[in-house]
Amino acid sequence: MSLHGKTALVTGGARGIGFATVQRLLREGARCVIWDRDQAAIDVATANLADAGEVTSDTVELAKPESVEAAAGQALGRHGQIDILVNNPGIAGINKKLWECTPQEWRDVMEIDLFGVFLCCRALVPGMIEAGWGRIVNVASIAGKEGNPMASHYSAAKAGVIGLTKSLGKELVDKGVICNCITPAVIETPMLDQVSDAHRDYMISKIPLARLGKAAEVAALVAWLSSEDCSFSTGAVFDISGGRATY
């Protein structure tokens, strides 16, 4: 598997699954663009990647169309083409029952975790179509398939990402662009700091392998889905859940 000559853009790429994905894609030979809203985290990430390969970055608010469009213009201006888009936005949101969430708490998660995926695809898919080649990997969650209690906003957003992937994959079948998504179970990343210990324990209790997943394990799957080797799967959902998924 080689990604030499390809340019990959990873949202939420400054930490967690996104950072591990950037590391793996660089190792496979790709140039990488990190999008994140936290400039301090970007600075740390790019410093840590200084010897790993070609990395550029933009500070982006994924829920704001004007921010995504401006960053897309900057990235395309630098690189000419984005070949691989890894949509890895992720906030877990507060752990509450649905009826206890405020509208804003619910909306905040939906806008970043789902609307942000739409905005990034909208900005970058036309260039892939024009080039006649592209790979899109959307990071959903096992919560989008099963629904986690105390996380209705996150579960609904990730279910939306699955539906978006299936639809977009079908729309692109004759364009040379492949779109798939992955559904990780709980992965050992800084996002776990956003959830309660009880919610973390609940998620681990559902995993037959009885452990947290590792970001590097997810990144390996993303790398394959970003490559020429993935050529007969599109609009598909790939589980990486330690045995939790039942379909």
Foldseek 3Di string as FASTA:
>chain_A
DADAPAEEEFEVLLWFLNVLLCLVNLVRHYAYEYEEQDVVSVVVSCVVCVPSHHYHYDHADLLDLVRLLVVLVVVCVVPVAHAEYEADFDAQFEQDAPVVDDPVSLVVGLSRLAVSVVSNCVNHVVRCLVVLAHFYEYEAAVCCVVPDHSRNSNNVNSVNVLVVQLVVQVVCVRRRYAGEYEHEQAAPIPSCVNYDPVSVVVSLVLAPQSDHHYSNVVSVVSSCSGDPVPDPDHSYYHYDYNPNDPD
